[in-house]
Amino acid sequence: MTRILLYLLLLAPALVRAEEFDCLIEARQSVDIRSPVEGLLESVKVQRGDLVKAEAAYRRALRRDPNNRSAWEALQGIGAQGGGRR
């Protein structure tokens, strides 16, 4: 009898871990990111939870407008190598 109780106690954590939860993990800290100019976004090409790399976003901006000075400065600021398009 004691042996059966011991097995049940050992299995209890595994049974609890197998349970599924439907939830959303919220960020511990929120940060407001704003543009120095006001305006409306034409489109947002990422979804919630996507990994976004700054360099790729700045290069995309330069493909649309090669004279985008703020994108060039931002690329230099993050230390992106090579000024050409990728």
Protein backbone atom coordinates (compact mmCIF):
# COMPACT_ATOMS: atom_id res chain seq x y z
CA MET A 1 0.00 0.00 0.00
CA THR A 2 2.80 2.42 0.89
CA ARG A 3 4.55 1.56 -2.35
CA ILE A 4 1.45 2.45 -4.41
CA LEU A 5 1.13 5.80 -2.64
CA LEU A 6 4.80 6.50 -3.29
CA TYR A 7 4.34 5.81 -7.04
CA LEU A 8 1.28 8.07 -7.16
CA LEU A 9 3.20 10.87 -5.45
CA LEU A 10 6.06 10.48 -7.91
CA LEU A 11 3.70 10.52 -10.92
CA ALA A 12 1.61 13.49 -9.78
CA PRO A 13 3.99 16.20 -11.10
CA ALA A 14 4.12 14.51 -14.52
CA LEU A 15 0.34 14.47 -14.71
CA VAL A 16 0.16 18.17 -13.86
CA ARG A 17 2.79 19.08 -16.46
CA ALA A 18 0.86 17.27 -19.20
CA GLU A 19 -2.06 19.67 -18.84
CA GLU A 20 -2.37 22.27 -21.63
CA PHE A 21 -2.94 25.94 -21.00
CA ASP A 22 -4.32 28.46 -23.47
CA CYS A 23 -2.70 31.74 -22.54
CA LEU A 24 -0.69 34.71 -23.74
CA ILE A 25 2.58 35.63 -22.09
CA GLU A 26 2.70 39.36 -21.44
CA ALA A 27 5.88 41.40 -21.48
CA ARG A 28 7.40 42.40 -18.18
CA GLN A 29 8.28 45.83 -19.52
CA SER A 30 6.69 47.96 -22.24
CA VAL A 31 8.57 50.51 -24.31
CA ASP A 32 7.12 53.23 -26.50
CA ILE A 33 8.95 53.51 -29.81
CA ARG A 34 8.10 56.63 -31.73
CA SER A 35 9.17 58.29 -34.92
CA PRO A 36 10.53 61.84 -34.76
CA VAL A 37 7.82 62.80 -37.27
CA GLU A 38 4.10 62.21 -37.08
CA GLY A 39 2.33 60.30 -39.83
CA LEU A 40 0.36 57.21 -40.76
CA LEU A 41 1.95 53.89 -41.60
CA GLU A 42 1.16 52.62 -45.07
CA SER A 43 1.64 49.01 -43.97
CA VAL A 44 3.11 46.83 -41.23
CA LYS A 45 4.82 43.79 -42.69
CA VAL A 46 5.24 41.83 -39.48
CA GLN A 47 2.90 40.01 -37.15
CA ARG A 48 2.77 40.10 -33.37
CA GLY A 49 5.59 38.00 -31.99
CA ASP A 50 7.76 38.15 -35.14
CA LEU A 51 11.49 38.71 -34.73
CA VAL A 52 12.42 42.00 -36.38
CA LYS A 53 15.97 42.94 -37.22
CA ALA A 54 16.69 46.67 -37.49
CA GLU A 55 19.20 46.31 -40.31
CA ALA A 56 16.70 44.55 -42.58
CA ALA A 57 14.08 47.23 -41.94
CA TYR A 58 16.49 50.07 -42.77
CA ARG A 59 17.66 48.31 -45.95
CA ARG A 60 14.02 47.88 -47.00
CA ALA A 61 13.51 51.61 -46.50
CA LEU A 62 16.56 52.30 -48.66
CA ARG A 63 15.22 50.08 -51.46
CA ARG A 64 12.11 52.26 -51.53
CA ASP A 65 14.07 55.52 -51.32
CA PRO A 66 17.86 55.33 -51.80
CA ASN A 67 18.16 58.94 -50.59
CA ASN A 68 16.54 58.21 -47.20
CA ARG A 69 19.08 59.98 -45.01
CA SER A 70 17.70 58.75 -41.69
CA ALA A 71 17.89 55.12 -42.86
CA TRP A 72 21.53 55.60 -43.92
CA GLU A 73 22.36 57.20 -40.57
CA ALA A 74 20.57 54.43 -38.67
CA LEU A 75 22.51 51.76 -40.57
CA GLN A 76 25.76 53.47 -39.71
CA GLY A 77 24.62 53.80 -36.09
CA ILE A 78 24.05 50.05 -35.71
CA GLY A 79 27.37 49.30 -37.37
CA ALA A 80 25.96 47.61 -40.46
CA GLN A 81 28.75 46.66 -42.85
CA GLY A 82 28.72 47.72 -46.47
CA GLY A 83 26.61 50.60 -47.69
CA GLY A 84 25.27 48.65 -50.68
CA ARG A 85 21.94 46.92 -50.92
CA ARG A 86 21.55 43.33 -49.83
